[in-house]
């Protein structure tokens, strides 16, 4: 089931972070799932100054998040 707000989030992620190193893209389907969750994690990592992004909230992300 597709959701309008999920689709808007996916579109926002791609337009905001699509040109940033380490982001890539997320499929704009409106469907919830790991693709969207992983894109949100990568966007957070970019905001935290992490250039080698990953699809997980590991110790490096946790450390930077806590210090922020």
PDB file of N, CA and C in Angstrom:
ATOM      1  N   UNK A   1       0.841  -1.185   0.000  1.00  0.00           N
ATOM      2  CA  UNK A   1       0.000   0.000   0.000  1.00  0.00           C
ATOM      3  C   UNK A   1       0.885   1.248   0.000  1.00  0.00           C
ATOM      4  N   UNK A   2       0.653   2.106  -0.931  1.00  0.00           N
ATOM      5  CA  UNK A   2       1.446   3.325  -1.052  1.00  0.00           C
ATOM      6  C   UNK A   2       0.825   4.441  -0.211  1.00  0.00           C
ATOM      7  N   UNK A   3       1.712   5.244   0.369  1.00  0.00           N
ATOM      8  CA  UNK A   3       1.263   6.371   1.161  1.00  0.00           C
ATOM      9  C   UNK A   3       1.798   7.671   0.587  1.00  0.00           C
ATOM     10  N   UNK A   4       0.945   8.678   0.558  1.00  0.00           N
ATOM     11  CA  UNK A   4       1.331   9.966  -0.018  1.00  0.00           C
ATOM     12  C   UNK A   4       2.485  10.599   0.756  1.00  0.00           C
ATOM     13  N   UNK A   5       2.477  10.502   2.082  1.00  0.00           N
ATOM     14  CA  UNK A   5       3.545  11.118   2.877  1.00  0.00           C
ATOM     15  C   UNK A   5       4.869  10.373   2.699  1.00  0.00           C
ATOM     16  N   UNK A   6       4.795   9.060   2.528  1.00  0.00           N
ATOM     17  CA  UNK A   6       6.016   8.288   2.268  1.00  0.00           C
ATOM     18  C   UNK A   6       6.594   8.716   0.923  1.00  0.00           C
ATOM     19  N   UNK A   7       5.752   8.852  -0.072  1.00  0.00           N
ATOM     20  CA  UNK A   7       6.199   9.300  -1.391  1.00  0.00           C
ATOM     21  C   UNK A   7       6.830  10.689  -1.297  1.00  0.00           C
ATOM     22  N   UNK A   8       6.198  11.601  -0.581  1.00  0.00           N
ATOM     23  CA  UNK A   8       6.754  12.950  -0.417  1.00  0.00           C
ATOM     24  C   UNK A   8       8.110  12.902   0.282  1.00  0.00           C
ATOM     25  N   UNK A   9       8.257  12.011   1.253  1.00  0.00           N
ATOM     26  CA  UNK A   9       9.540  11.847   1.946  1.00  0.00           C
ATOM     27  C   UNK A   9      10.600  11.333   0.985  1.00  0.00           C
ATOM     28  N   UNK A  10      10.264  10.336   0.197  1.00  0.00           N
ATOM     29  CA  UNK A  10      11.203   9.790  -0.783  1.00  0.00           C
ATOM     30  C   UNK A  10      11.625  10.857  -1.785  1.00  0.00           C
ATOM     31  N   UNK A  11      10.675  11.639  -2.258  1.00  0.00           N
ATOM     32  CA  UNK A  11      10.986  12.708  -3.204  1.00  0.00           C
ATOM     33  C   UNK A  11      11.889  13.757  -2.557  1.00  0.00           C
ATOM     34  N   UNK A  12      11.585  14.117  -1.313  1.00  0.00           N
ATOM     35  CA  UNK A  12      12.396  15.097  -0.592  1.00  0.00           C
ATOM     36  C   UNK A  12      13.820  14.578  -0.393  1.00  0.00           C
ATOM     37  N   UNK A  13      13.949  13.321  -0.001  1.00  0.00           N
ATOM     38  CA  UNK A  13      15.279  12.734   0.180  1.00  0.00           C
ATOM     39  C   UNK A  13      16.085  12.826  -1.113  1.00  0.00           C
ATOM     40  N   UNK A  14      15.490  12.436  -2.222  1.00  0.00           N
ATOM     41  CA  UNK A  14      16.207  12.468  -3.502  1.00  0.00           C
ATOM     42  C   UNK A  14      16.563  13.890  -3.927  1.00  0.00           C
ATOM     43  N   UNK A  15      15.648  14.834  -3.715  1.00  0.00           N
ATOM     44  CA  UNK A  15      15.947  16.202  -4.143  1.00  0.00           C
ATOM     45  C   UNK A  15      16.935  16.887  -3.207  1.00  0.00           C
ATOM     46  N   UNK A  16      16.939  16.517  -1.935  1.00  0.00           N
ATOM     47  CA  UNK A  16      17.833  17.151  -0.959  1.00  0.00           C
ATOM     48  C   UNK A  16      19.210  16.501  -0.929  1.00  0.00           C
ATOM     49  N   UNK A  17      19.264  15.184  -1.020  1.00  0.00           N
ATOM     50  CA  UNK A  17      20.518  14.456  -0.835  1.00  0.00           C
ATOM     51  C   UNK A  17      21.001  13.724  -2.079  1.00  0.00           C
ATOM     52  N   UNK A  18      20.220  13.699  -3.142  1.00  0.00           N
ATOM     53  CA  UNK A  18      20.564  12.939  -4.339  1.00  0.00           C
ATOM     54  C   UNK A  18      21.892  13.318  -4.966  1.00  0.00           C
ATOM     55  N   UNK A  19      22.321  14.559  -4.777  1.00  0.00           N
ATOM     56  CA  UNK A  19      23.594  14.997  -5.354  1.00  0.00           C
ATOM     57  C   UNK A  19      24.738  14.966  -4.337  1.00  0.00           C
ATOM     58  N   UNK A  20      24.475  14.435  -3.156  1.00  0.00           N
ATOM     59  CA  UNK A  20      25.503  14.359  -2.112  1.00  0.00           C
ATOM     60  C   UNK A  20      26.236  13.025  -2.197  1.00  0.00           C
ATOM     61  N   UNK A  21      27.558  13.095  -2.020  1.00  0.00           N
ATOM     62  CA  UNK A  21      28.372  11.878  -2.029  1.00  0.00           C
ATOM     63  C   UNK A  21      27.906  10.938  -0.932  1.00  0.00           C
ATOM     64  N   UNK A  22      27.682   9.696  -1.297  1.00  0.00           N
ATOM     65  CA  UNK A  22      27.317   8.674  -0.320  1.00  0.00           C
ATOM     66  C   UNK A  22      25.830   8.441  -0.178  1.00  0.00           C
ATOM     67  N   UNK A  23      25.008   9.257  -0.832  1.00  0.00           N
ATOM     68  CA  UNK A  23      23.559   9.048  -0.675  1.00  0.00           C
ATOM     69  C   UNK A  23      22.999   8.070  -1.689  1.00  0.00           C
ATOM     70  N   UNK A  24      23.250   8.288  -2.966  1.00  0.00           N
ATOM     71  CA  UNK A  24      22.636   7.451  -3.994  1.00  0.00           C
ATOM     72  C   UNK A  24      21.233   7.937  -4.259  1.00  0.00           C
ATOM     73  N   UNK A  25      20.248   7.070  -4.084  1.00  0.00           N
ATOM     74  CA  UNK A  25      18.858   7.463  -4.274  1.00  0.00           C
ATOM     75  C   UNK A  25      17.956   6.461  -3.575  1.00  0.00           C
ATOM     76  N   UNK A  26      16.683   6.828  -3.492  1.00  0.00           N
ATOM     77  CA  UNK A  26      15.667   5.919  -2.981  1.00  0.00           C
ATOM     78  C   UNK A  26      14.561   5.869  -4.037  1.00  0.00           C
ATOM     79  N   UNK A  27      14.002   4.693  -4.273  1.00  0.00           N
ATOM     80  CA  UNK A  27      12.923   4.565  -5.255  1.00  0.00           C
ATOM     81  C   UNK A  27      11.701   5.331  -4.753  1.00  0.00           C
ATOM     82  N   UNK A  28      11.107   6.103  -5.628  1.00  0.00           N
ATOM     83  CA  UNK A  28       9.934   6.904  -5.289  1.00  0.00           C
ATOM     84  C   UNK A  28       8.668   6.117  -5.613  1.00  0.00           C
ATOM     85  N   UNK A  29       8.309   5.229  -4.689  1.00  0.00           N
ATOM     86  CA  UNK A  29       7.158   4.347  -4.877  1.00  0.00           C
ATOM     87  C   UNK A  29       5.998   4.677  -3.945  1.00  0.00           C
ATOM     88  N   UNK A  30       6.300   5.375  -2.854  1.00  0.00           N
ATOM     89  CA  UNK A  30       5.284   5.621  -1.839  1.00  0.00           C
ATOM     90  C   UNK A  30       5.134   4.462  -0.872  1.00  0.00           C
ATOM     91  N   UNK A  31       5.900   3.404  -1.093  1.00  0.00           N
ATOM     92  CA  UNK A  31       5.836   2.235  -0.221  1.00  0.00           C
ATOM     93  C   UNK A  31       6.866   2.342   0.901  1.00  0.00           C
ATOM     94  N   UNK A  32       6.453   1.977   2.094  1.00  0.00           N
ATOM     95  CA  UNK A  32       7.393   1.922   3.198  1.00  0.00           C
ATOM     96  C   UNK A  32       8.296   0.714   3.024  1.00  0.00           C
ATOM     97  N   UNK A  33       9.432   0.729   3.686  1.00  0.00           N
ATOM     98  CA  UNK A  33      10.329  -0.415   3.612  1.00  0.00           C
ATOM     99  C   UNK A  33      11.757  -0.011   3.885  1.00  0.00           C
ATOM    100  N   UNK A  34      12.639  -0.999   3.761  1.00  0.00           N
ATOM    101  CA  UNK A  34      14.050  -0.794   4.086  1.00  0.00           C
ATOM    102  C   UNK A  34      14.736   0.225   3.190  1.00  0.00           C
ATOM    103  N   UNK A  35      14.312   0.340   1.952  1.00  0.00           N
ATOM    104  CA  UNK A  35      14.924   1.325   1.064  1.00  0.00           C
ATOM    105  C   UNK A  35      14.784   2.739   1.611  1.00  0.00           C
ATOM    106  N   UNK A  36      13.604   3.059   2.099  1.00  0.00           N
ATOM    107  CA  UNK A  36      13.357   4.385   2.663  1.00  0.00           C
ATOM    108  C   UNK A  36      14.070   4.554   3.994  1.00  0.00           C
ATOM    109  N   UNK A  37      14.032   3.530   4.822  1.00  0.00           N
ATOM    110  CA  UNK A  37      14.711   3.591   6.116  1.00  0.00           C
ATOM    111  C   UNK A  37      16.212   3.783   5.913  1.00  0.00           C
ATOM    112  N   UNK A  38      16.792   3.025   5.008  1.00  0.00           N
ATOM    113  CA  UNK A  38      18.228   3.146   4.729  1.00  0.00           C
ATOM    114  C   UNK A  38      18.577   4.523   4.173  1.00  0.00           C
ATOM    115  N   UNK A  39      17.714   5.071   3.336  1.00  0.00           N
ATOM    116  CA  UNK A  39      17.954   6.409   2.795  1.00  0.00           C
ATOM    117  C   UNK A  39      17.938   7.447   3.910  1.00  0.00           C
ATOM    118  N   UNK A  40      17.029   7.296   4.863  1.00  0.00           N
ATOM    119  CA  UNK A  40      16.981   8.216   6.006  1.00  0.00           C
ATOM    120  C   UNK A  40      18.253   8.117   6.844  1.00  0.00           C
ATOM    121  N   UNK A  41      18.758   6.903   7.022  1.00  0.00           N
ATOM    122  CA  UNK A  41      20.002   6.713   7.780  1.00  0.00           C
ATOM    123  C   UNK A  41      21.167   7.380   7.044  1.00  0.00           C
ATOM    124  N   UNK A  42      21.266   7.172   5.723  1.00  0.00           N
ATOM    125  CA  UNK A  42      22.346   7.791   4.949  1.00  0.00           C
ATOM    126  C   UNK A  42      22.248   9.314   4.984  1.00  0.00           C
ATOM    127  N   UNK A  43      21.035   9.849   4.929  1.00  0.00           N
ATOM    128  CA  UNK A  43      20.850  11.304   5.001  1.00  0.00           C
ATOM    129  C   UNK A  43      21.329  11.832   6.352  1.00  0.00           C
ATOM    130  N   UNK A  44      21.009  11.130   7.420  1.00  0.00           N
ATOM    131  CA  UNK A  44      21.480  11.525   8.750  1.00  0.00           C
ATOM    132  C   UNK A  44      22.997  11.500   8.803  1.00  0.00           C
ATOM    133  N   UNK A  45      23.604  10.475   8.266  1.00  0.00           N
ATOM    134  CA  UNK A  45      25.061  10.375   8.269  1.00  0.00           C
ATOM    135  C   UNK A  45      25.682  11.550   7.514  1.00  0.00           C
ATOM    136  N   UNK A  46      25.094  11.926   6.405  1.00  0.00           N
ATOM    137  CA  UNK A  46      25.599  13.072   5.650  1.00  0.00           C
ATOM    138  C   UNK A  46      25.496  14.329   6.501  1.00  0.00           C
ATOM    139  N   UNK A  47      24.384  14.511   7.192  1.00  0.00           N
ATOM    140  CA  UNK A  47      24.212  15.670   8.068  1.00  0.00           C
ATOM    141  C   UNK A  47      25.242  15.679   9.201  1.00  0.00           C
ATOM    142  N   UNK A  48      25.664  14.504   9.618  1.00  0.00           N
ATOM    143  CA  UNK A  48      26.654  14.384  10.688  1.00  0.00           C
ATOM    144  C   UNK A  48      28.086  14.493  10.170  1.00  0.00           C
ATOM    145  N   UNK A  49      28.267  14.664   8.862  1.00  0.00           N
ATOM    146  CA  UNK A  49      29.594  14.811   8.288  1.00  0.00           C
ATOM    147  C   UNK A  49      30.277  13.506   7.937  1.00  0.00           C
ATOM    148  N   UNK A  50      29.533  12.432   7.909  1.00  0.00           N
ATOM    149  CA  UNK A  50      30.090  11.129   7.547  1.00  0.00           C
ATOM    150  C   UNK A  50      30.029  10.997   6.031  1.00  0.00           C
ATOM    151  N   UNK A  51      31.185  10.771   5.408  1.00  0.00           N
ATOM    152  CA  UNK A  51      31.217  10.667   3.952  1.00  0.00           C
ATOM    153  C   UNK A  51      31.145   9.225   3.466  1.00  0.00           C
ATOM    154  N   UNK A  52      31.607   8.295   4.278  1.00  0.00           N
ATOM    155  CA  UNK A  52      31.510   6.875   3.933  1.00  0.00           C
ATOM    156  C   UNK A  52      30.227   6.336   4.569  1.00  0.00           C
ATOM    157  N   UNK A  53      29.085   6.625   3.925  1.00  0.00           N
ATOM    158  CA  UNK A  53      27.797   6.254   4.488  1.00  0.00           C
ATOM    159  C   UNK A  53      27.546   4.756   4.364  1.00  0.00           C
ATOM    160  N   UNK A  54      26.629   4.275   5.189  1.00  0.00           N
ATOM    161  CA  UNK A  54      26.244   2.863   5.172  1.00  0.00           C
ATOM    162  C   UNK A  54      24.775   2.770   5.535  1.00  0.00           C
ATOM    163  N   UNK A  55      24.176   1.655   5.226  1.00  0.00           N
ATOM    164  CA  UNK A  55      22.760   1.449   5.518  1.00  0.00           C
ATOM    165  C   UNK A  55      22.538   0.918   6.923  1.00  0.00           C
ATOM    166  N   UNK A  56      23.314   1.404   7.861  1.00  0.00           N
ATOM    167  CA  UNK A  56      23.084   0.999   9.245  1.00  0.00           C
ATOM    168  C   UNK A  56      23.520   2.108  10.188  1.00  0.00           C
ATOM    169  N   UNK A  57      23.031   2.038  11.388  1.00  0.00           N
ATOM    170  CA  UNK A  57      23.325   3.018  12.420  1.00  0.00           C
ATOM    171  C   UNK A  57      24.382   2.394  13.323  1.00  0.00           C
ATOM    172  N   UNK A  58      25.632   2.411  12.835  1.00  0.00           N
ATOM    173  CA  UNK A  58      26.734   1.754  13.540  1.00  0.00           C
ATOM    174  C   UNK A  58      27.359   2.645  14.593  1.00  0.00           C
ATOM    175  N   UNK A  59      28.487   2.204  15.103  1.00  0.00           N
ATOM    176  CA  UNK A  59      29.150   2.908  16.203  1.00  0.00           C
ATOM    177  C   UNK A  59      29.638   4.300  15.791  1.00  0.00           C
ATOM    178  N   UNK A  60      30.096   4.457  14.557  1.00  0.00           N
ATOM    179  CA  UNK A  60      30.538   5.768  14.092  1.00  0.00           C
ATOM    180  C   UNK A  60      29.387   6.764  14.035  1.00  0.00           C
ATOM    181  N   UNK A  61      28.257   6.320  13.513  1.00  0.00           N
ATOM    182  CA  UNK A  61      27.074   7.177  13.451  1.00  0.00           C
ATOM    183  C   UNK A  61      26.585   7.497  14.860  1.00  0.00           C
ATOM    184  N   UNK A  62      26.563   6.496  15.701  1.00  0.00           N
ATOM    185  CA  UNK A  62      26.107   6.687  17.081  1.00  0.00           C
ATOM    186  C   UNK A  62      26.984   7.690  17.817  1.00  0.00           C
ATOM    187  N   UNK A  63      28.289   7.578  17.650  1.00  0.00           N
ATOM    188  CA  UNK A  63      29.230   8.478  18.307  1.00  0.00           C
ATOM    189  C   UNK A  63      29.017   9.917  17.839  1.00  0.00           C
ATOM    190  N   UNK A  64      28.924  10.100  16.537  1.00  0.00           N
ATOM    191  CA  UNK A  64      28.725  11.459  16.001  1.00  0.00           C
ATOM    192  C   UNK A  64      27.368  12.031  16.424  1.00  0.00           C
ATOM    193  N   UNK A  65      26.364  11.182  16.473  1.00  0.00           N
ATOM    194  CA  UNK A  65      25.045  11.621  16.877  1.00  0.00           C
ATOM    195  C   UNK A  65      25.037  12.087  18.327  1.00  0.00           C
ATOM    196  N   UNK A  66      25.652  11.300  19.180  1.00  0.00           N
ATOM    197  CA  UNK A  66      25.704  11.645  20.608  1.00  0.00           C
ATOM    198  C   UNK A  66      26.481  12.918  20.850  1.00  0.00           C
ATOM    199  N   UNK A  67      27.586  13.123  20.122  1.00  0.00           N
ATOM    200  CA  UNK A  67      28.399  14.306  20.332  1.00  0.00           C
ATOM    201  C   UNK A  67      27.743  15.556  19.773  1.00  0.00           C
ATOM    202  N   UNK A  68      26.818  15.398  18.880  1.00  0.00           N
ATOM    203  CA  UNK A  68      26.118  16.514  18.264  1.00  0.00           C
ATOM    204  C   UNK A  68      25.114  17.073  19.237  1.00  0.00           C
TER     205      UNK A  68
END
